[in-house]
PDB file of N, CA and C in Angstrom:
ATOM      1  N   UNK A   1      -6.435   2.071   6.177  1.00  0.00           N
ATOM      2  CA  UNK A   1      -6.881   1.223   4.479  1.00  0.00           C
ATOM      3  C   UNK A   1      -5.935   2.239   3.253  1.00  0.00           C
ATOM      4  N   UNK A   2      -5.327   1.173   2.331  1.00  0.00           N
ATOM      5  CA  UNK A   2      -4.834   1.573   1.252  1.00  0.00           C
ATOM      6  C   UNK A   2      -5.675   1.630   0.197  1.00  0.00           C
ATOM      7  N   UNK A   3      -5.287   2.370  -0.743  1.00  0.00           N
ATOM      8  CA  UNK A   3      -5.787   2.634  -2.295  1.00  0.00           C
ATOM      9  C   UNK A   3      -4.854   2.416  -3.244  1.00  0.00           C
ATOM     10  N   UNK A   4      -5.131   1.873  -4.039  1.00  0.00           N
ATOM     11  CA  UNK A   4      -4.427   1.688  -5.478  1.00  0.00           C
ATOM     12  C   UNK A   4      -5.223   1.342  -6.693  1.00  0.00           C
ATOM     13  N   UNK A   5      -4.715   2.193  -7.692  1.00  0.00           N
ATOM     14  CA  UNK A   5      -5.561   1.980  -8.936  1.00  0.00           C
ATOM     15  C   UNK A   5      -4.162   1.424 -10.058  1.00  0.00           C
ATOM     16  N   UNK A   6      -4.914   0.332 -10.879  1.00  0.00           N
ATOM     17  CA  UNK A   6      -4.285  -0.557 -11.256  1.00  0.00           C
ATOM     18  C   UNK A   6      -4.982  -0.878 -12.834  1.00  0.00           C
ATOM     19  N   UNK A   7      -3.933  -1.282 -14.096  1.00  0.00           N
ATOM     20  CA  UNK A   7      -5.194  -1.694 -14.998  1.00  0.00           C
ATOM     21  C   UNK A   7      -4.792  -2.973 -15.551  1.00  0.00           C
ATOM     22  N   UNK A   8      -5.708  -3.907 -15.331  1.00  0.00           N
ATOM     23  CA  UNK A   8      -5.910  -5.040 -15.640  1.00  0.00           C
ATOM     24  C   UNK A   8      -5.753  -5.345 -17.137  1.00  0.00           C
ATOM     25  N   UNK A   9      -5.021  -6.439 -17.964  1.00  0.00           N
ATOM     26  CA  UNK A   9      -5.266  -6.448 -19.364  1.00  0.00           C
ATOM     27  C   UNK A   9      -5.737  -8.147 -19.599  1.00  0.00           C
ATOM     28  N   UNK A  10      -6.849  -8.350 -20.140  1.00  0.00           N
ATOM     29  CA  UNK A  10      -7.189  -9.587 -20.088  1.00  0.00           C
ATOM     30  C   UNK A  10      -7.085 -10.063 -22.049  1.00  0.00           C
ATOM     31  N   UNK A  11      -7.325 -11.478 -21.945  1.00  0.00           N
ATOM     32  CA  UNK A  11      -6.962 -12.075 -23.041  1.00  0.00           C
ATOM     33  C   UNK A  11      -8.088 -13.051 -23.178  1.00  0.00           C
ATOM     34  N   UNK A  12      -8.590 -13.841 -23.937  1.00  0.00           N
ATOM     35  CA  UNK A  12      -9.859 -14.660 -23.695  1.00  0.00           C
ATOM     36  C   UNK A  12     -10.177 -15.437 -23.083  1.00  0.00           C
ATOM     37  N   UNK A  13      -8.910 -15.958 -22.472  1.00  0.00           N
ATOM     38  CA  UNK A  13      -9.308 -16.948 -21.250  1.00  0.00           C
ATOM     39  C   UNK A  13     -10.178 -16.566 -19.693  1.00  0.00           C
ATOM     40  N   UNK A  14      -9.093 -15.549 -19.181  1.00  0.00           N
ATOM     41  CA  UNK A  14      -9.691 -14.818 -17.743  1.00  0.00           C
ATOM     42  C   UNK A  14     -10.606 -13.813 -17.952  1.00  0.00           C
ATOM     43  N   UNK A  15     -10.820 -13.415 -19.411  1.00  0.00           N
ATOM     44  CA  UNK A  15     -11.793 -12.651 -19.224  1.00  0.00           C
ATOM     45  C   UNK A  15     -13.400 -13.205 -19.213  1.00  0.00           C
ATOM     46  N   UNK A  16     -13.365 -14.594 -19.310  1.00  0.00           N
ATOM     47  CA  UNK A  16     -14.694 -15.270 -19.468  1.00  0.00           C
ATOM     48  C   UNK A  16     -14.944 -15.849 -17.715  1.00  0.00           C
ATOM     49  N   UNK A  17     -13.709 -15.518 -16.783  1.00  0.00           N
ATOM     50  CA  UNK A  17     -14.049 -15.790 -15.648  1.00  0.00           C
ATOM     51  C   UNK A  17     -14.178 -14.576 -14.816  1.00  0.00           C
ATOM     52  N   UNK A  18     -14.995 -14.581 -13.344  1.00  0.00           N
ATOM     53  CA  UNK A  18     -15.504 -13.806 -12.795  1.00  0.00           C
ATOM     54  C   UNK A  18     -14.616 -12.739 -11.609  1.00  0.00           C
ATOM     55  N   UNK A  19     -13.490 -12.554 -12.154  1.00  0.00           N
ATOM     56  CA  UNK A  19     -11.710 -12.352 -11.895  1.00  0.00           C
ATOM     57  C   UNK A  19     -12.483 -10.871 -10.950  1.00  0.00           C
ATOM     58  N   UNK A  20     -12.761 -10.225 -11.008  1.00  0.00           N
ATOM     59  CA  UNK A  20     -12.934  -8.758 -10.058  1.00  0.00           C
ATOM     60  C   UNK A  20     -13.843  -9.390  -8.955  1.00  0.00           C
ATOM     61  N   UNK A  21     -14.830  -9.968  -9.152  1.00  0.00           N
ATOM     62  CA  UNK A  21     -15.813 -10.474  -8.045  1.00  0.00           C
ATOM     63  C   UNK A  21     -15.206 -11.172  -7.071  1.00  0.00           C
ATOM     64  N   UNK A  22     -14.307 -12.161  -7.876  1.00  0.00           N
ATOM     65  CA  UNK A  22     -13.572 -13.010  -6.918  1.00  0.00           C
ATOM     66  C   UNK A  22     -12.516 -12.473  -5.790  1.00  0.00           C
ATOM     67  N   UNK A  23     -12.063 -11.571  -6.667  1.00  0.00           N
ATOM     68  CA  UNK A  23     -10.600 -10.794  -6.055  1.00  0.00           C
ATOM     69  C   UNK A  23     -11.076  -9.792  -4.706  1.00  0.00           C
ATOM     70  N   UNK A  24     -12.283  -9.015  -5.030  1.00  0.00           N
ATOM     71  CA  UNK A  24     -13.144  -8.523  -3.781  1.00  0.00           C
ATOM     72  C   UNK A  24     -13.743  -9.393  -2.598  1.00  0.00           C
ATOM     73  N   UNK A  25     -13.964 -10.440  -3.033  1.00  0.00           N
ATOM     74  CA  UNK A  25     -14.767 -11.370  -2.067  1.00  0.00           C
ATOM     75  C   UNK A  25     -13.441 -12.420  -1.536  1.00  0.00           C
ATOM     76  N   UNK A  26     -12.334 -12.797  -2.248  1.00  0.00           N
ATOM     77  CA  UNK A  26     -12.010 -13.544  -1.496  1.00  0.00           C
ATOM     78  C   UNK A  26     -10.810 -13.047  -0.752  1.00  0.00           C
ATOM     79  N   UNK A  27     -10.336 -11.326  -1.009  1.00  0.00           N
ATOM     80  CA  UNK A  27      -9.313 -10.937  -0.438  1.00  0.00           C
ATOM     81  C   UNK A  27      -9.932  -9.928  -0.033  1.00  0.00           C
ATOM     82  N   UNK A  28     -10.897  -9.404   0.415  1.00  0.00           N
ATOM     83  CA  UNK A  28     -11.643  -8.505   1.487  1.00  0.00           C
ATOM     84  C   UNK A  28     -11.286  -6.963   0.873  1.00  0.00           C
ATOM     85  N   UNK A  29     -11.437  -6.745  -0.361  1.00  0.00           N
ATOM     86  CA  UNK A  29     -11.042  -5.363  -1.293  1.00  0.00           C
ATOM     87  C   UNK A  29     -12.168  -5.072  -1.567  1.00  0.00           C
ATOM     88  N   UNK A  30     -12.170  -3.593  -1.596  1.00  0.00           N
ATOM     89  CA  UNK A  30     -13.470  -2.839  -2.079  1.00  0.00           C
ATOM     90  C   UNK A  30     -12.952  -2.589  -3.517  1.00  0.00           C
ATOM     91  N   UNK A  31     -13.693  -2.859  -4.752  1.00  0.00           N
ATOM     92  CA  UNK A  31     -13.400  -2.254  -6.106  1.00  0.00           C
ATOM     93  C   UNK A  31     -14.218  -1.555  -6.835  1.00  0.00           C
ATOM     94  N   UNK A  32     -13.708  -0.699  -7.285  1.00  0.00           N
ATOM     95  CA  UNK A  32     -14.225   0.335  -8.279  1.00  0.00           C
ATOM     96  C   UNK A  32     -13.813   0.316  -9.535  1.00  0.00           C
ATOM     97  N   UNK A  33     -14.440   0.210 -10.341  1.00  0.00           N
ATOM     98  CA  UNK A  33     -14.464   0.241 -11.707  1.00  0.00           C
ATOM     99  C   UNK A  33     -14.258   1.735 -12.162  1.00  0.00           C
ATOM    100  N   UNK A  34     -13.170   2.443 -12.674  1.00  0.00           N
ATOM    101  CA  UNK A  34     -12.855   3.470 -13.220  1.00  0.00           C
ATOM    102  C   UNK A  34     -13.126   3.564 -14.605  1.00  0.00           C
ATOM    103  N   UNK A  35     -12.399   2.939 -15.443  1.00  0.00           N
ATOM    104  CA  UNK A  35     -12.590   2.734 -17.204  1.00  0.00           C
ATOM    105  C   UNK A  35     -12.316   1.641 -17.548  1.00  0.00           C
ATOM    106  N   UNK A  36     -13.025   1.427 -18.814  1.00  0.00           N
ATOM    107  CA  UNK A  36     -12.995  -0.111 -19.618  1.00  0.00           C
ATOM    108  C   UNK A  36     -13.004  -0.117 -20.785  1.00  0.00           C
ATOM    109  N   UNK A  37     -12.747  -1.033 -21.405  1.00  0.00           N
ATOM    110  CA  UNK A  37     -12.949  -1.409 -22.558  1.00  0.00           C
ATOM    111  C   UNK A  37     -12.818  -3.039 -23.092  1.00  0.00           C
ATOM    112  N   UNK A  38     -14.206  -3.881 -23.106  1.00  0.00           N
ATOM    113  CA  UNK A  38     -13.577  -5.171 -23.167  1.00  0.00           C
ATOM    114  C   UNK A  38     -14.419  -5.826 -24.372  1.00  0.00           C
ATOM    115  N   UNK A  39     -13.784  -6.573 -24.910  1.00  0.00           N
ATOM    116  CA  UNK A  39     -14.495  -7.178 -26.126  1.00  0.00           C
ATOM    117  C   UNK A  39     -14.707  -8.450 -25.619  1.00  0.00           C
ATOM    118  N   UNK A  40     -15.179  -9.530 -27.090  1.00  0.00           N
ATOM    119  CA  UNK A  40     -15.340 -11.313 -26.486  1.00  0.00           C
ATOM    120  C   UNK A  40     -13.785 -11.713 -26.406  1.00  0.00           C
ATOM    121  N   UNK A  41     -12.880 -10.975 -27.231  1.00  0.00           N
ATOM    122  CA  UNK A  41     -11.518 -11.419 -27.161  1.00  0.00           C
ATOM    123  C   UNK A  41     -10.828 -11.083 -26.405  1.00  0.00           C
ATOM    124  N   UNK A  42     -10.832  -9.692 -25.676  1.00  0.00           N
ATOM    125  CA  UNK A  42      -9.685  -9.066 -25.205  1.00  0.00           C
ATOM    126  C   UNK A  42     -10.016  -7.954 -24.278  1.00  0.00           C
ATOM    127  N   UNK A  43      -9.347  -7.186 -23.339  1.00  0.00           N
ATOM    128  CA  UNK A  43      -9.891  -6.180 -22.839  1.00  0.00           C
ATOM    129  C   UNK A  43      -9.194  -5.685 -22.057  1.00  0.00           C
ATOM    130  N   UNK A  44      -9.475  -4.571 -21.426  1.00  0.00           N
ATOM    131  CA  UNK A  44      -8.744  -3.941 -20.045  1.00  0.00           C
ATOM    132  C   UNK A  44      -9.585  -3.045 -19.317  1.00  0.00           C
ATOM    133  N   UNK A  45      -9.100  -2.951 -17.866  1.00  0.00           N
ATOM    134  CA  UNK A  45      -9.920  -2.280 -17.432  1.00  0.00           C
ATOM    135  C   UNK A  45      -9.136  -1.557 -16.170  1.00  0.00           C
ATOM    136  N   UNK A  46      -9.764  -0.475 -15.865  1.00  0.00           N
ATOM    137  CA  UNK A  46      -8.680   0.510 -14.916  1.00  0.00           C
ATOM    138  C   UNK A  46      -9.771   0.321 -13.661  1.00  0.00           C
ATOM    139  N   UNK A  47      -9.085  -0.357 -12.729  1.00  0.00           N
ATOM    140  CA  UNK A  47      -9.755  -0.523 -11.303  1.00  0.00           C
ATOM    141  C   UNK A  47      -8.947  -0.265 -10.024  1.00  0.00           C
ATOM    142  N   UNK A  48      -9.536   0.541  -9.073  1.00  0.00           N
ATOM    143  CA  UNK A  48      -9.147   1.666  -7.762  1.00  0.00           C
ATOM    144  C   UNK A  48      -9.469  -0.172  -6.942  1.00  0.00           C
ATOM    145  N   UNK A  49      -8.487  -0.121  -6.210  1.00  0.00           N
ATOM    146  CA  UNK A  49      -8.546  -1.187  -4.848  1.00  0.00           C
ATOM    147  C   UNK A  49      -8.546  -0.258  -3.112  1.00  0.00           C
ATOM    148  N   UNK A  50      -9.217  -0.819  -2.917  1.00  0.00           N
ATOM    149  CA  UNK A  50      -9.281  -0.405  -1.509  1.00  0.00           C
ATOM    150  C   UNK A  50      -9.075  -1.395  -0.632  1.00  0.00           C
ATOM    151  N   UNK A  51      -8.119  -1.230   0.514  1.00  0.00           N
ATOM    152  CA  UNK A  51      -8.315  -2.502   1.520  1.00  0.00           C
ATOM    153  C   UNK A  51      -6.525  -2.362   2.286  1.00  0.00           C
ATOM    154  N   UNK A  52      -6.345  -3.432   2.768  1.00  0.00           N
ATOM    155  CA  UNK A  52      -5.521  -3.331   3.622  1.00  0.00           C
ATOM    156  C   UNK A  52      -4.497  -4.003   2.811  1.00  0.00           C
ATOM    157  N   UNK A  53      -3.398  -3.259   2.853  1.00  0.00           N
ATOM    158  CA  UNK A  53      -2.048  -3.408   1.984  1.00  0.00           C
ATOM    159  C   UNK A  53      -1.944  -4.432   1.325  1.00  0.00           C
ATOM    160  N   UNK A  54      -1.564  -5.800   2.631  1.00  0.00           N
ATOM    161  CA  UNK A  54      -1.167  -7.132   2.235  1.00  0.00           C
ATOM    162  C   UNK A  54      -2.497  -7.929   1.466  1.00  0.00           C
ATOM    163  N   UNK A  55      -3.218  -7.571   1.637  1.00  0.00           N
ATOM    164  CA  UNK A  55      -5.112  -8.234   0.822  1.00  0.00           C
ATOM    165  C   UNK A  55      -4.585  -7.437  -0.284  1.00  0.00           C
ATOM    166  N   UNK A  56      -4.578  -6.369  -0.616  1.00  0.00           N
ATOM    167  CA  UNK A  56      -4.143  -5.631  -2.099  1.00  0.00           C
ATOM    168  C   UNK A  56      -3.207  -6.578  -2.983  1.00  0.00           C
ATOM    169  N   UNK A  57      -1.947  -6.971  -2.191  1.00  0.00           N
ATOM    170  CA  UNK A  57      -0.729  -7.485  -2.800  1.00  0.00           C
ATOM    171  C   UNK A  57      -1.160  -8.870  -2.983  1.00  0.00           C
ATOM    172  N   UNK A  58      -1.613  -9.684  -2.342  1.00  0.00           N
ATOM    173  CA  UNK A  58      -1.741 -10.695  -2.250  1.00  0.00           C
ATOM    174  C   UNK A  58      -3.023 -10.813  -3.242  1.00  0.00           C
ATOM    175  N   UNK A  59      -4.026 -10.297  -3.242  1.00  0.00           N
ATOM    176  CA  UNK A  59      -5.015 -10.201  -4.847  1.00  0.00           C
ATOM    177  C   UNK A  59      -4.502  -9.872  -6.053  1.00  0.00           C
ATOM    178  N   UNK A  60      -3.665  -9.325  -5.950  1.00  0.00           N
ATOM    179  CA  UNK A  60      -2.889  -8.919  -7.235  1.00  0.00           C
ATOM    180  C   UNK A  60      -2.016  -9.728  -7.775  1.00  0.00           C
ATOM    181  N   UNK A  61      -1.061 -10.624  -6.678  1.00  0.00           N
ATOM    182  CA  UNK A  61      -0.521 -11.809  -7.185  1.00  0.00           C
ATOM    183  C   UNK A  61      -1.418 -13.403  -7.779  1.00  0.00           C
ATOM    184  N   UNK A  62      -2.721 -12.921  -7.115  1.00  0.00           N
ATOM    185  CA  UNK A  62      -3.814 -14.173  -7.373  1.00  0.00           C
ATOM    186  C   UNK A  62      -4.331 -13.977  -9.053  1.00  0.00           C
ATOM    187  N   UNK A  63      -4.780 -12.305  -8.986  1.00  0.00           N
ATOM    188  CA  UNK A  63      -4.959 -11.897 -10.230  1.00  0.00           C
ATOM    189  C   UNK A  63      -3.702 -12.524 -11.517  1.00  0.00           C
ATOM    190  N   UNK A  64      -2.645 -12.135 -11.328  1.00  0.00           N
ATOM    191  CA  UNK A  64      -1.669 -12.493 -11.926  1.00  0.00           C
ATOM    192  C   UNK A  64      -1.322 -13.852 -12.397  1.00  0.00           C
ATOM    193  N   UNK A  65      -1.927 -14.474 -11.386  1.00  0.00           N
ATOM    194  CA  UNK A  65      -1.865 -16.203 -11.538  1.00  0.00           C
ATOM    195  C   UNK A  65      -2.940 -16.501 -12.499  1.00  0.00           C
ATOM    196  N   UNK A  66      -3.925 -15.564 -12.758  1.00  0.00           N
ATOM    197  CA  UNK A  66      -5.042 -15.886 -13.283  1.00  0.00           C
ATOM    198  C   UNK A  66      -4.777 -15.818 -14.787  1.00  0.00           C
ATOM    199  N   UNK A  67      -3.492 -15.317 -14.995  1.00  0.00           N
ATOM    200  CA  UNK A  67      -3.424 -15.006 -16.862  1.00  0.00           C
ATOM    201  C   UNK A  67      -3.475 -13.541 -16.981  1.00  0.00           C
ATOM    202  N   UNK A  68      -4.173 -12.840 -15.893  1.00  0.00           N
ATOM    203  CA  UNK A  68      -4.268 -11.326 -16.113  1.00  0.00           C
ATOM    204  C   UNK A  68      -2.825 -10.421 -16.095  1.00  0.00           C
ATOM    205  N   UNK A  69      -2.812  -9.741 -17.335  1.00  0.00           N
ATOM    206  CA  UNK A  69      -1.519  -8.659 -16.961  1.00  0.00           C
ATOM    207  C   UNK A  69      -2.020  -7.432 -15.985  1.00  0.00           C
ATOM    208  N   UNK A  70      -0.976  -6.849 -14.968  1.00  0.00           N
ATOM    209  CA  UNK A  70      -1.365  -6.035 -14.085  1.00  0.00           C
ATOM    210  C   UNK A  70      -0.311  -4.839 -13.850  1.00  0.00           C
ATOM    211  N   UNK A  71      -0.523  -3.677 -14.639  1.00  0.00           N
ATOM    212  CA  UNK A  71       0.148  -2.517 -14.549  1.00  0.00           C
ATOM    213  C   UNK A  71      -0.274  -1.618 -13.357  1.00  0.00           C
ATOM    214  N   UNK A  72       0.916  -0.485 -12.545  1.00  0.00           N
ATOM    215  CA  UNK A  72      -0.347   0.489 -11.807  1.00  0.00           C
ATOM    216  C   UNK A  72      -0.403   1.235 -12.462  1.00  0.00           C
ATOM    217  N   UNK A  73      -1.084   2.304 -12.295  1.00  0.00           N
ATOM    218  CA  UNK A  73      -1.946   3.320 -13.102  1.00  0.00           C
ATOM    219  C   UNK A  73      -1.367   4.621 -12.044  1.00  0.00           C
ATOM    220  N   UNK A  74      -0.692   5.482 -12.819  1.00  0.00           N
ATOM    221  CA  UNK A  74       0.105   6.717 -11.876  1.00  0.00           C
ATOM    222  C   UNK A  74      -1.239   7.461 -11.547  1.00  0.00           C
ATOM    223  N   UNK A  75      -0.517   8.887 -10.742  1.00  0.00           N
ATOM    224  CA  UNK A  75      -1.270   9.451 -10.140  1.00  0.00           C
ATOM    225  C   UNK A  75      -2.135  10.637 -11.157  1.00  0.00           C
ATOM    226  N   UNK A  76      -1.501  10.919 -11.894  1.00  0.00           N
ATOM    227  CA  UNK A  76      -2.105  11.327 -13.231  1.00  0.00           C
ATOM    228  C   UNK A  76      -3.111  11.226 -13.938  1.00  0.00           C
ATOM    229  N   UNK A  77      -3.728  10.053 -13.342  1.00  0.00           N
ATOM    230  CA  UNK A  77      -5.100   9.368 -13.938  1.00  0.00           C
ATOM    231  C   UNK A  77      -5.874  10.526 -14.001  1.00  0.00           C
ATOM    232  N   UNK A  78      -6.929  10.887 -15.034  1.00  0.00           N
ATOM    233  CA  UNK A  78      -8.030  11.859 -15.096  1.00  0.00           C
ATOM    234  C   UNK A  78      -9.002  10.872 -15.912  1.00  0.00           C
ATOM    235  N   UNK A  79     -10.277  11.455 -15.068  1.00  0.00           N
ATOM    236  CA  UNK A  79     -10.895  10.617 -15.764  1.00  0.00           C
ATOM    237  C   UNK A  79     -11.727  11.351 -16.754  1.00  0.00           C
ATOM    238  N   UNK A  80     -12.921  10.605 -17.391  1.00  0.00           N
ATOM    239  CA  UNK A  80     -13.256  11.080 -18.921  1.00  0.00           C
ATOM    240  C   UNK A  80     -14.741  11.267 -18.737  1.00  0.00           C
TER     241      UNK A  80
END
């Protein structure tokens, strides 16, 4: 199993969709919300993904297709 830490940045349209739930269900990934800041119009979420590397890759492609910007989070991420 692989783990990856990513940041999702949302605009208004995808913020109303259950993107994280669907990502976990459709791609057999465990999702762990690490940090977030979400309003009615925009938001960002730092999310830990765990699963098969190919499932993570395919899931991130799908998330991007939904209009969510995906950026990797470095190893130096610290908890608040």
